């Protein structure tokens, strides 16, 4: 007796005959059987795995019949074919010079066909730059893919026209970092892309407005753990800095303020209060602000929050 296949295999958890939950999935027979009453709940299950076995990476690569997985970091999604540059036939033997010239021409036309118009060429160039910048900044994959989606939307809406690829790409990376809660400062992105902070900020505001990106304002808390570890502050000092920033938020002192400057001041105050003192110069160099900014901000915070710092 075989029941009607109204549910997917993943949804089958209870036997429809006896309501038993002890189900046996037999991969050799392709069946799901109830261990209590013996009912065959499903049969002829399709195995979506490979029909071969491999015991190491070399054997797996040799037996695999498929190409690379679909990727958002490739302008065409990785769905088109690609002619290898190895100049070898299917048996691994070197091809002749005559055939090599033919393959070279085929490879050149294949490369042209993959990019049909100027938009795809623009996206392909931007994505290659994206991979380089992401590796340089050590960005996770979800940030890279989010930046790729933002840039691709902008290119398809013809927002790149009249602007540089690197400038718009830097803005897309900054927006992706903010969306994925992996904050990076304008200074860091400016150094990695060799684009001025002013241009990145201008392009970012343009993208956010045209693409209707819903991004919350940056908070000093987002940068706390990263810069705290960069300064090698103790856990106690980082918790104290978090407490100072929380008090500043409650007193509405963070509204309209640069989060990096507030963070630098709070880390300096916390390091002094916890005996893990760092100099203003050291904090300024690590975070990317000036010593004068730290002095002004920490004096403002200490006065309004009533925190006495004995230097």
C-alpha atoms as a PDB file:
ATOM      1  CA  UNK A   1       0.000   0.000   0.000  1.00  0.00           C
ATOM      2  CA  UNK A   2       1.406   3.354  -1.036  1.00  0.00           C
ATOM      3  CA  UNK A   3      -0.080   6.666   0.084  1.00  0.00           C
ATOM      4  CA  UNK A   4      -0.705   9.557  -2.315  1.00  0.00           C
ATOM      5  CA  UNK A   5       2.330  11.871  -2.546  1.00  0.00           C
ATOM      6  CA  UNK A   6       0.734  15.122  -1.417  1.00  0.00           C
ATOM      7  CA  UNK A   7       3.644  16.161   0.841  1.00  0.00           C
ATOM      8  CA  UNK A   8       7.338  16.459   0.143  1.00  0.00           C
ATOM      9  CA  UNK A   9       9.761  14.016   1.740  1.00  0.00           C
ATOM     10  CA  UNK A  10      10.944  16.632   4.231  1.00  0.00           C
ATOM     11  CA  UNK A  11       7.354  17.209   5.441  1.00  0.00           C
ATOM     12  CA  UNK A  12       6.645  13.519   6.135  1.00  0.00           C
ATOM     13  CA  UNK A  13       7.210  13.063   9.877  1.00  0.00           C
ATOM     14  CA  UNK A  14       4.137  11.032  10.991  1.00  0.00           C
ATOM     15  CA  UNK A  15       2.676   7.788   9.649  1.00  0.00           C
ATOM     16  CA  UNK A  16      -0.826   8.478   8.221  1.00  0.00           C
ATOM     17  CA  UNK A  17      -2.004   4.965   9.225  1.00  0.00           C
ATOM     18  CA  UNK A  18      -1.000   4.629  12.897  1.00  0.00           C
ATOM     19  CA  UNK A  19       0.337   8.155  13.655  1.00  0.00           C
ATOM     20  CA  UNK A  20       3.682   6.637  14.499  1.00  0.00           C
ATOM     21  CA  UNK A  21       6.792   8.787  14.356  1.00  0.00           C
ATOM     22  CA  UNK A  22       9.397   6.032  13.892  1.00  0.00           C
ATOM     23  CA  UNK A  23       9.931   6.354  10.153  1.00  0.00           C
ATOM     24  CA  UNK A  24      12.708   4.488   8.346  1.00  0.00           C
ATOM     25  CA  UNK A  25      14.213   6.062   5.248  1.00  0.00           C
ATOM     26  CA  UNK A  26      15.762   3.336   3.117  1.00  0.00           C
ATOM     27  CA  UNK A  27      18.135   4.940   0.554  1.00  0.00           C
ATOM     28  CA  UNK A  28      18.799   1.615  -1.220  1.00  0.00           C
ATOM     29  CA  UNK A  29      15.132   0.838  -1.936  1.00  0.00           C
ATOM     30  CA  UNK A  30      14.124   4.488  -2.188  1.00  0.00           C
ATOM     31  CA  UNK A  31      11.335   4.048   0.357  1.00  0.00           C
ATOM     32  CA  UNK A  32      10.009   5.544   3.586  1.00  0.00           C
ATOM     33  CA  UNK A  33       8.544   2.851   5.841  1.00  0.00           C
ATOM     34  CA  UNK A  34       6.775   3.091   9.196  1.00  0.00           C
ATOM     35  CA  UNK A  35       8.627   0.967  11.768  1.00  0.00           C
ATOM     36  CA  UNK A  36       5.432   0.427  13.835  1.00  0.00           C
ATOM     37  CA  UNK A  37       2.878  -0.790  11.274  1.00  0.00           C
ATOM     38  CA  UNK A  38       5.050  -1.490   8.207  1.00  0.00           C
ATOM     39  CA  UNK A  39       3.209   0.958   5.921  1.00  0.00           C
ATOM     40  CA  UNK A  40       5.219   2.065   2.878  1.00  0.00           C
ATOM     41  CA  UNK A  41       4.581   5.796   3.045  1.00  0.00           C
ATOM     42  CA  UNK A  42       6.598   6.755  -0.023  1.00  0.00           C
ATOM     43  CA  UNK A  43       8.572   4.918  -2.687  1.00  0.00           C
ATOM     44  CA  UNK A  44      10.727   5.589  -5.736  1.00  0.00           C
ATOM     45  CA  UNK A  45      12.321   8.541  -3.976  1.00  0.00           C
ATOM     46  CA  UNK A  46      14.676  10.439  -6.249  1.00  0.00           C
ATOM     47  CA  UNK A  47      18.250  10.649  -5.028  1.00  0.00           C
ATOM     48  CA  UNK A  48      19.602  14.069  -5.996  1.00  0.00           C
ATOM     49  CA  UNK A  49      23.155  13.176  -4.992  1.00  0.00           C
ATOM     50  CA  UNK A  50      25.873  12.020  -7.417  1.00  0.00           C
ATOM     51  CA  UNK A  51      25.825   8.469  -8.734  1.00  0.00           C
ATOM     52  CA  UNK A  52      29.532   8.072  -7.958  1.00  0.00           C
ATOM     53  CA  UNK A  53      31.706   8.067  -4.849  1.00  0.00           C
ATOM     54  CA  UNK A  54      34.962   9.924  -4.276  1.00  0.00           C
ATOM     55  CA  UNK A  55      37.450   9.681  -1.433  1.00  0.00           C
ATOM     56  CA  UNK A  56      39.573  12.795  -2.035  1.00  0.00           C
ATOM     57  CA  UNK A  57      39.341  16.175  -3.743  1.00  0.00           C
ATOM     58  CA  UNK A  58      41.265  15.111  -6.845  1.00  0.00           C
ATOM     59  CA  UNK A  59      38.980  12.140  -7.452  1.00  0.00           C
ATOM     60  CA  UNK A  60      35.899  14.296  -6.770  1.00  0.00           C
ATOM     61  CA  UNK A  61      36.990  16.924  -9.297  1.00  0.00           C
ATOM     62  CA  UNK A  62      37.742  14.241 -11.889  1.00  0.00           C
ATOM     63  CA  UNK A  63      34.335  12.541 -11.556  1.00  0.00           C
ATOM     64  CA  UNK A  64      32.181  15.646 -11.239  1.00  0.00           C
ATOM     65  CA  UNK A  65      29.904  16.324 -14.223  1.00  0.00           C
ATOM     66  CA  UNK A  66      28.823  19.834 -13.269  1.00  0.00           C
ATOM     67  CA  UNK A  67      30.503  23.216 -13.342  1.00  0.00           C
ATOM     68  CA  UNK A  68      30.879  25.893 -10.730  1.00  0.00           C
ATOM     69  CA  UNK A  69      27.837  26.826  -8.611  1.00  0.00           C
ATOM     70  CA  UNK A  70      25.706  29.862  -9.412  1.00  0.00           C
ATOM     71  CA  UNK A  71      27.304  32.976  -7.957  1.00  0.00           C
ATOM     72  CA  UNK A  72      26.079  36.542  -7.475  1.00  0.00           C
ATOM     73  CA  UNK A  73      29.690  37.708  -7.782  1.00  0.00           C
ATOM     74  CA  UNK A  74      29.807  36.916 -11.529  1.00  0.00           C
ATOM     75  CA  UNK A  75      28.086  39.297 -13.925  1.00  0.00           C
ATOM     76  CA  UNK A  76      26.137  36.486 -15.652  1.00  0.00           C
ATOM     77  CA  UNK A  77      25.596  34.454 -12.484  1.00  0.00           C
ATOM     78  CA  UNK A  78      28.060  31.789 -13.629  1.00  0.00           C
ATOM     79  CA  UNK A  79      25.445  30.278 -15.946  1.00  0.00           C
ATOM     80  CA  UNK A  80      27.395  30.543 -19.206  1.00  0.00           C
ATOM     81  CA  UNK A  81      30.108  28.188 -20.412  1.00  0.00           C
ATOM     82  CA  UNK A  82      33.790  28.970 -20.321  1.00  0.00           C
ATOM     83  CA  UNK A  83      36.622  27.607 -22.487  1.00  0.00           C
ATOM     84  CA  UNK A  84      39.602  26.564 -20.382  1.00  0.00           C
ATOM     85  CA  UNK A  85      43.030  28.176 -20.822  1.00  0.00           C
ATOM     86  CA  UNK A  86      44.904  24.903 -20.277  1.00  0.00           C
ATOM     87  CA  UNK A  87      45.177  24.009 -24.019  1.00  0.00           C
ATOM     88  CA  UNK A  88      44.542  20.328 -23.335  1.00  0.00           C
ATOM     89  CA  UNK A  89      41.987  17.903 -24.715  1.00  0.00           C
ATOM     90  CA  UNK A  90      39.487  15.824 -22.714  1.00  0.00           C
ATOM     91  CA  UNK A  91      42.172  13.196 -22.056  1.00  0.00           C
ATOM     92  CA  UNK A  92      44.607  15.760 -20.640  1.00  0.00           C
ATOM     93  CA  UNK A  93      46.929  15.640 -23.660  1.00  0.00           C
ATOM     94  CA  UNK A  94      48.358  18.890 -25.145  1.00  0.00           C
ATOM     95  CA  UNK A  95      46.570  19.995 -28.311  1.00  0.00           C
ATOM     96  CA  UNK A  96      48.372  20.729 -31.584  1.00  0.00           C
ATOM     97  CA  UNK A  97      49.420  24.232 -32.646  1.00  0.00           C
ATOM     98  CA  UNK A  98      46.776  24.345 -35.384  1.00  0.00           C
ATOM     99  CA  UNK A  99      44.010  23.397 -32.978  1.00  0.00           C
ATOM    100  CA  UNK A 100      45.408  25.798 -30.396  1.00  0.00           C
ATOM    101  CA  UNK A 101      44.940  28.722 -32.795  1.00  0.00           C
ATOM    102  CA  UNK A 102      41.338  27.679 -33.427  1.00  0.00           C
ATOM    103  CA  UNK A 103      40.656  27.353 -29.699  1.00  0.00           C
ATOM    104  CA  UNK A 104      42.187  30.799 -29.163  1.00  0.00           C
ATOM    105  CA  UNK A 105      39.722  32.340 -31.627  1.00  0.00           C
ATOM    106  CA  UNK A 106      36.812  30.443 -30.059  1.00  0.00           C
ATOM    107  CA  UNK A 107      37.896  31.586 -26.601  1.00  0.00           C
ATOM    108  CA  UNK A 108      38.042  35.210 -27.756  1.00  0.00           C
ATOM    109  CA  UNK A 109      34.541  35.087 -29.265  1.00  0.00           C
ATOM    110  CA  UNK A 110      33.215  33.257 -26.230  1.00  0.00           C
ATOM    111  CA  UNK A 111      34.533  36.067 -24.030  1.00  0.00           C
ATOM    112  CA  UNK A 112      32.807  38.655 -26.247  1.00  0.00           C
ATOM    113  CA  UNK A 113      29.514  36.767 -26.329  1.00  0.00           C
ATOM    114  CA  UNK A 114      29.387  36.544 -22.518  1.00  0.00           C
ATOM    115  CA  UNK A 115      29.183  40.358 -22.359  1.00  0.00           C
ATOM    116  CA  UNK A 116      26.493  41.425 -24.810  1.00  0.00           C
ATOM    117  CA  UNK A 117      26.397  45.171 -24.164  1.00  0.00           C
ATOM    118  CA  UNK A 118      28.138  48.005 -22.338  1.00  0.00           C
ATOM    119  CA  UNK A 119      26.153  47.425 -19.120  1.00  0.00           C
ATOM    120  CA  UNK A 120      27.398  43.843 -18.804  1.00  0.00           C
ATOM    121  CA  UNK A 121      30.950  44.948 -19.553  1.00  0.00           C
ATOM    122  CA  UNK A 122      30.627  47.616 -16.860  1.00  0.00           C
ATOM    123  CA  UNK A 123      29.300  45.078 -14.330  1.00  0.00           C
ATOM    124  CA  UNK A 124      32.028  42.552 -15.194  1.00  0.00           C
ATOM    125  CA  UNK A 125      34.745  45.169 -14.656  1.00  0.00           C
ATOM    126  CA  UNK A 126      33.150  46.310 -11.382  1.00  0.00           C
ATOM    127  CA  UNK A 127      32.832  42.757 -10.033  1.00  0.00           C
ATOM    128  CA  UNK A 128      36.500  42.016 -10.698  1.00  0.00           C
ATOM    129  CA  UNK A 129      37.367  45.185  -8.747  1.00  0.00           C
ATOM    130  CA  UNK A 130      34.896  44.143  -6.038  1.00  0.00           C
ATOM    131  CA  UNK A 131      36.714  40.847  -5.480  1.00  0.00           C
ATOM    132  CA  UNK A 132      40.059  42.630  -5.180  1.00  0.00           C
ATOM    133  CA  UNK A 133      38.782  45.274  -2.746  1.00  0.00           C
ATOM    134  CA  UNK A 134      36.845  42.732  -0.670  1.00  0.00           C
ATOM    135  CA  UNK A 135      39.945  40.567  -0.275  1.00  0.00           C
ATOM    136  CA  UNK A 136      41.983  43.614   0.696  1.00  0.00           C
ATOM    137  CA  UNK A 137      39.412  44.647   3.328  1.00  0.00           C
ATOM    138  CA  UNK A 138      38.720  41.047   4.422  1.00  0.00           C
ATOM    139  CA  UNK A 139      34.971  41.375   3.870  1.00  0.00           C
ATOM    140  CA  UNK A 140      32.727  38.301   4.352  1.00  0.00           C
ATOM    141  CA  UNK A 141      30.855  36.739   1.443  1.00  0.00           C
ATOM    142  CA  UNK A 142      27.424  38.117   2.391  1.00  0.00           C
ATOM    143  CA  UNK A 143      28.804  41.685   2.201  1.00  0.00           C
ATOM    144  CA  UNK A 144      30.372  40.985  -1.207  1.00  0.00           C
ATOM    145  CA  UNK A 145      27.117  39.585  -2.586  1.00  0.00           C
ATOM    146  CA  UNK A 146      25.065  42.478  -1.173  1.00  0.00           C
ATOM    147  CA  UNK A 147      27.465  44.994  -2.736  1.00  0.00           C
ATOM    148  CA  UNK A 148      27.232  43.123  -6.061  1.00  0.00           C
ATOM    149  CA  UNK A 149      23.416  43.255  -5.984  1.00  0.00           C
ATOM    150  CA  UNK A 150      23.409  46.986  -5.184  1.00  0.00           C
ATOM    151  CA  UNK A 151      25.873  47.798  -7.962  1.00  0.00           C
ATOM    152  CA  UNK A 152      24.073  45.609 -10.507  1.00  0.00           C
ATOM    153  CA  UNK A 153      20.746  47.328  -9.749  1.00  0.00           C
ATOM    154  CA  UNK A 154      22.398  50.730 -10.146  1.00  0.00           C
ATOM    155  CA  UNK A 155      23.937  49.710 -13.491  1.00  0.00           C
ATOM    156  CA  UNK A 156      20.657  48.303 -14.825  1.00  0.00           C
ATOM    157  CA  UNK A 157      18.871  51.542 -13.819  1.00  0.00           C
ATOM    158  CA  UNK A 158      21.575  53.508 -15.693  1.00  0.00           C
ATOM    159  CA  UNK A 159      22.743  55.271 -12.526  1.00  0.00           C
ATOM    160  CA  UNK A 160      26.425  54.701 -13.314  1.00  0.00           C
ATOM    161  CA  UNK A 161      26.423  56.938 -16.379  1.00  0.00           C
ATOM    162  CA  UNK A 162      28.660  59.965 -15.825  1.00  0.00           C
ATOM    163  CA  UNK A 163      30.263  58.459 -12.707  1.00  0.00           C
ATOM    164  CA  UNK A 164      33.353  56.331 -12.241  1.00  0.00           C
ATOM    165  CA  UNK A 165      33.096  52.584 -11.688  1.00  0.00           C
ATOM    166  CA  UNK A 166      35.358  52.656  -8.627  1.00  0.00           C
ATOM    167  CA  UNK A 167      33.474  55.581  -7.081  1.00  0.00           C
ATOM    168  CA  UNK A 168      30.074  53.893  -7.343  1.00  0.00           C
ATOM    169  CA  UNK A 169      31.522  50.547  -6.323  1.00  0.00           C
ATOM    170  CA  UNK A 170      33.017  52.097  -3.172  1.00  0.00           C
ATOM    171  CA  UNK A 171      29.606  53.527  -2.311  1.00  0.00           C
ATOM    172  CA  UNK A 172      27.953  50.125  -2.913  1.00  0.00           C
ATOM    173  CA  UNK A 173      30.489  48.444  -0.613  1.00  0.00           C
ATOM    174  CA  UNK A 174      29.855  51.025   2.118  1.00  0.00           C
ATOM    175  CA  UNK A 175      26.074  50.531   1.795  1.00  0.00           C
ATOM    176  CA  UNK A 176      26.484  46.735   1.898  1.00  0.00           C
ATOM    177  CA  UNK A 177      28.626  46.963   5.038  1.00  0.00           C
ATOM    178  CA  UNK A 178      25.960  49.066   6.718  1.00  0.00           C
ATOM    179  CA  UNK A 179      23.149  46.722   5.647  1.00  0.00           C
ATOM    180  CA  UNK A 180      24.980  43.575   6.794  1.00  0.00           C
ATOM    181  CA  UNK A 181      26.072  45.153  10.115  1.00  0.00           C
ATOM    182  CA  UNK A 182      29.750  44.798   9.220  1.00  0.00           C
ATOM    183  CA  UNK A 183      30.609  48.488   9.542  1.00  0.00           C
ATOM    184  CA  UNK A 184      33.605  49.984   7.810  1.00  0.00           C
ATOM    185  CA  UNK A 185      34.523  53.649   7.991  1.00  0.00           C
ATOM    186  CA  UNK A 186      34.822  55.996   5.021  1.00  0.00           C
ATOM    187  CA  UNK A 187      38.561  56.179   5.741  1.00  0.00           C
ATOM    188  CA  UNK A 188      39.005  52.397   5.398  1.00  0.00           C
ATOM    189  CA  UNK A 189      37.048  52.212   2.147  1.00  0.00           C
ATOM    190  CA  UNK A 190      38.838  55.300   0.830  1.00  0.00           C
ATOM    191  CA  UNK A 191      42.246  53.714   1.440  1.00  0.00           C
ATOM    192  CA  UNK A 192      41.204  50.389  -0.168  1.00  0.00           C
ATOM    193  CA  UNK A 193      39.603  51.969  -3.259  1.00  0.00           C
ATOM    194  CA  UNK A 194      41.811  55.065  -3.620  1.00  0.00           C
ATOM    195  CA  UNK A 195      38.635  57.203  -3.789  1.00  0.00           C
ATOM    196  CA  UNK A 196      38.178  60.342  -1.697  1.00  0.00           C
ATOM    197  CA  UNK A 197      35.801  60.221   1.263  1.00  0.00           C
ATOM    198  CA  UNK A 198      33.827  63.126  -0.182  1.00  0.00           C
ATOM    199  CA  UNK A 199      33.130  61.249  -3.440  1.00  0.00           C
ATOM    200  CA  UNK A 200      32.201  58.028  -1.605  1.00  0.00           C
ATOM    201  CA  UNK A 201      29.767  59.923   0.638  1.00  0.00           C
ATOM    202  CA  UNK A 202      28.209  61.740  -2.348  1.00  0.00           C
ATOM    203  CA  UNK A 203      27.759  58.511  -4.329  1.00  0.00           C
ATOM    204  CA  UNK A 204      26.409  56.698  -1.267  1.00  0.00           C
ATOM    205  CA  UNK A 205      23.708  59.335  -0.713  1.00  0.00           C
ATOM    206  CA  UNK A 206      22.839  59.140  -4.418  1.00  0.00           C
ATOM    207  CA  UNK A 207      22.492  55.334  -4.337  1.00  0.00           C
ATOM    208  CA  UNK A 208      20.476  55.361  -1.111  1.00  0.00           C
ATOM    209  CA  UNK A 209      18.060  57.892  -2.602  1.00  0.00           C
ATOM    210  CA  UNK A 210      17.643  56.343  -6.064  1.00  0.00           C
ATOM    211  CA  UNK A 211      17.526  52.693  -4.945  1.00  0.00           C
ATOM    212  CA  UNK A 212      15.482  53.495  -1.818  1.00  0.00           C
ATOM    213  CA  UNK A 213      17.917  51.674   0.456  1.00  0.00           C
ATOM    214  CA  UNK A 214      16.576  51.419   3.994  1.00  0.00           C
ATOM    215  CA  UNK A 215      19.707  51.795   6.115  1.00  0.00           C
ATOM    216  CA  UNK A 216      19.632  52.795   9.776  1.00  0.00           C
ATOM    217  CA  UNK A 217      22.034  55.493  10.977  1.00  0.00           C
ATOM    218  CA  UNK A 218      25.432  54.203  12.081  1.00  0.00           C
ATOM    219  CA  UNK A 219      25.901  53.695  15.815  1.00  0.00           C
ATOM    220  CA  UNK A 220      29.186  53.828  17.766  1.00  0.00           C
ATOM    221  CA  UNK A 221      28.224  50.416  19.194  1.00  0.00           C
ATOM    222  CA  UNK A 222      28.662  48.872  15.746  1.00  0.00           C
ATOM    223  CA  UNK A 223      32.375  49.716  15.749  1.00  0.00           C
ATOM    224  CA  UNK A 224      33.100  49.073  19.429  1.00  0.00           C
ATOM    225  CA  UNK A 225      34.298  45.458  19.460  1.00  0.00           C
ATOM    226  CA  UNK A 226      36.412  45.791  16.314  1.00  0.00           C
ATOM    227  CA  UNK A 227      38.315  48.897  17.388  1.00  0.00           C
ATOM    228  CA  UNK A 228      38.445  47.716  20.995  1.00  0.00           C
ATOM    229  CA  UNK A 229      40.214  44.540  19.885  1.00  0.00           C
ATOM    230  CA  UNK A 230      42.399  46.554  17.528  1.00  0.00           C
ATOM    231  CA  UNK A 231      43.570  48.650  20.495  1.00  0.00           C
ATOM    232  CA  UNK A 232      43.961  45.470  22.602  1.00  0.00           C
ATOM    233  CA  UNK A 233      41.728  46.823  25.341  1.00  0.00           C
ATOM    234  CA  UNK A 234      40.595  44.515  28.112  1.00  0.00           C
ATOM    235  CA  UNK A 235      37.051  43.151  28.252  1.00  0.00           C
ATOM    236  CA  UNK A 236      36.401  45.339  31.295  1.00  0.00           C
ATOM    237  CA  UNK A 237      37.431  48.480  29.383  1.00  0.00           C
ATOM    238  CA  UNK A 238      35.258  47.551  26.385  1.00  0.00           C
ATOM    239  CA  UNK A 239      32.261  46.972  28.653  1.00  0.00           C
ATOM    240  CA  UNK A 240      32.898  50.336  30.307  1.00  0.00           C
ATOM    241  CA  UNK A 241      33.002  52.024  26.895  1.00  0.00           C
ATOM    242  CA  UNK A 242      29.707  50.335  26.011  1.00  0.00           C
ATOM    243  CA  UNK A 243      28.207  51.652  29.250  1.00  0.00           C
ATOM    244  CA  UNK A 244      29.388  55.203  28.469  1.00  0.00           C
ATOM    245  CA  UNK A 245      27.915  55.056  24.965  1.00  0.00           C
ATOM    246  CA  UNK A 246      24.643  53.669  26.335  1.00  0.00           C
ATOM    247  CA  UNK A 247      24.409  56.586  28.759  1.00  0.00           C
ATOM    248  CA  UNK A 248      25.165  59.016  25.916  1.00  0.00           C
ATOM    249  CA  UNK A 249      22.335  57.489  23.846  1.00  0.00           C
ATOM    250  CA  UNK A 250      19.909  57.814  26.747  1.00  0.00           C
ATOM    251  CA  UNK A 251      20.888  61.474  27.148  1.00  0.00           C
ATOM    252  CA  UNK A 252      20.445  61.899  23.344  1.00  0.00           C
ATOM    253  CA  UNK A 253      24.047  63.021  22.962  1.00  0.00           C
ATOM    254  CA  UNK A 254      24.653  60.801  19.928  1.00  0.00           C
ATOM    255  CA  UNK A 255      22.062  62.512  17.703  1.00  0.00           C
ATOM    256  CA  UNK A 256      23.745  64.220  14.767  1.00  0.00           C
ATOM    257  CA  UNK A 257      27.217  63.227  16.001  1.00  0.00           C
ATOM    258  CA  UNK A 258      29.929  61.356  14.142  1.00  0.00           C
ATOM    259  CA  UNK A 259      29.869  57.799  15.608  1.00  0.00           C
ATOM    260  CA  UNK A 260      33.614  57.274  15.110  1.00  0.00           C
ATOM    261  CA  UNK A 261      34.494  60.396  17.112  1.00  0.00           C
ATOM    262  CA  UNK A 262      32.162  59.399  19.949  1.00  0.00           C
ATOM    263  CA  UNK A 263      33.620  55.903  19.932  1.00  0.00           C
ATOM    264  CA  UNK A 264      37.195  57.221  20.153  1.00  0.00           C
ATOM    265  CA  UNK A 265      36.297  59.451  23.105  1.00  0.00           C
ATOM    266  CA  UNK A 266      34.447  56.656  24.953  1.00  0.00           C
ATOM    267  CA  UNK A 267      37.320  54.203  24.441  1.00  0.00           C
ATOM    268  CA  UNK A 268      39.775  56.749  25.801  1.00  0.00           C
ATOM    269  CA  UNK A 269      37.578  57.416  28.849  1.00  0.00           C
ATOM    270  CA  UNK A 270      37.088  53.691  29.482  1.00  0.00           C
ATOM    271  CA  UNK A 271      40.810  52.951  29.198  1.00  0.00           C
ATOM    272  CA  UNK A 272      41.571  55.629  31.828  1.00  0.00           C
ATOM    273  CA  UNK A 273      38.786  54.547  34.199  1.00  0.00           C
ATOM    274  CA  UNK A 274      39.759  50.852  34.008  1.00  0.00           C
ATOM    275  CA  UNK A 275      43.500  51.420  34.399  1.00  0.00           C
ATOM    276  CA  UNK A 276      44.156  50.140  30.877  1.00  0.00           C
ATOM    277  CA  UNK A 277      45.252  53.571  29.775  1.00  0.00           C
ATOM    278  CA  UNK A 278      45.904  54.264  26.126  1.00  0.00           C
ATOM    279  CA  UNK A 279      47.298  57.541  24.891  1.00  0.00           C
ATOM    280  CA  UNK A 280      45.195  59.849  22.788  1.00  0.00           C
ATOM    281  CA  UNK A 281      47.764  59.583  20.026  1.00  0.00           C
ATOM    282  CA  UNK A 282      47.542  55.769  19.961  1.00  0.00           C
ATOM    283  CA  UNK A 283      43.742  55.787  19.827  1.00  0.00           C
ATOM    284  CA  UNK A 284      43.736  58.502  17.168  1.00  0.00           C
ATOM    285  CA  UNK A 285      46.087  56.519  14.926  1.00  0.00           C
ATOM    286  CA  UNK A 286      44.140  53.264  15.246  1.00  0.00           C
ATOM    287  CA  UNK A 287      40.677  54.774  14.726  1.00  0.00           C
ATOM    288  CA  UNK A 288      41.559  57.493  12.227  1.00  0.00           C
ATOM    289  CA  UNK A 289      40.679  60.703  14.074  1.00  0.00           C
ATOM    290  CA  UNK A 290      42.757  63.553  15.470  1.00  0.00           C
ATOM    291  CA  UNK A 291      43.910  63.948  19.064  1.00  0.00           C
ATOM    292  CA  UNK A 292      42.103  67.304  19.274  1.00  0.00           C
ATOM    293  CA  UNK A 293      38.832  65.561  18.358  1.00  0.00           C
ATOM    294  CA  UNK A 294      39.295  62.999  21.136  1.00  0.00           C
ATOM    295  CA  UNK A 295      40.046  65.729  23.701  1.00  0.00           C
ATOM    296  CA  UNK A 296      37.033  67.817  22.751  1.00  0.00           C
ATOM    297  CA  UNK A 297      34.638  64.880  22.671  1.00  0.00           C
ATOM    298  CA  UNK A 298      35.751  63.238  25.909  1.00  0.00           C
ATOM    299  CA  UNK A 299      35.534  66.577  27.764  1.00  0.00           C
ATOM    300  CA  UNK A 300      32.031  67.065  26.400  1.00  0.00           C
ATOM    301  CA  UNK A 301      30.942  63.547  27.393  1.00  0.00           C
ATOM    302  CA  UNK A 302      32.521  63.699  30.867  1.00  0.00           C
ATOM    303  CA  UNK A 303      30.866  67.061  31.572  1.00  0.00           C
ATOM    304  CA  UNK A 304      27.365  66.085  30.410  1.00  0.00           C
ATOM    305  CA  UNK A 305      27.413  62.561  31.845  1.00  0.00           C
ATOM    306  CA  UNK A 306      29.036  63.597  35.129  1.00  0.00           C
ATOM    307  CA  UNK A 307      31.992  61.213  34.732  1.00  0.00           C
ATOM    308  CA  UNK A 308      35.123  62.402  36.518  1.00  0.00           C
ATOM    309  CA  UNK A 309      38.360  61.249  34.870  1.00  0.00           C
ATOM    310  CA  UNK A 310      41.510  61.637  36.970  1.00  0.00           C
ATOM    311  CA  UNK A 311      44.396  61.908  34.518  1.00  0.00           C
END
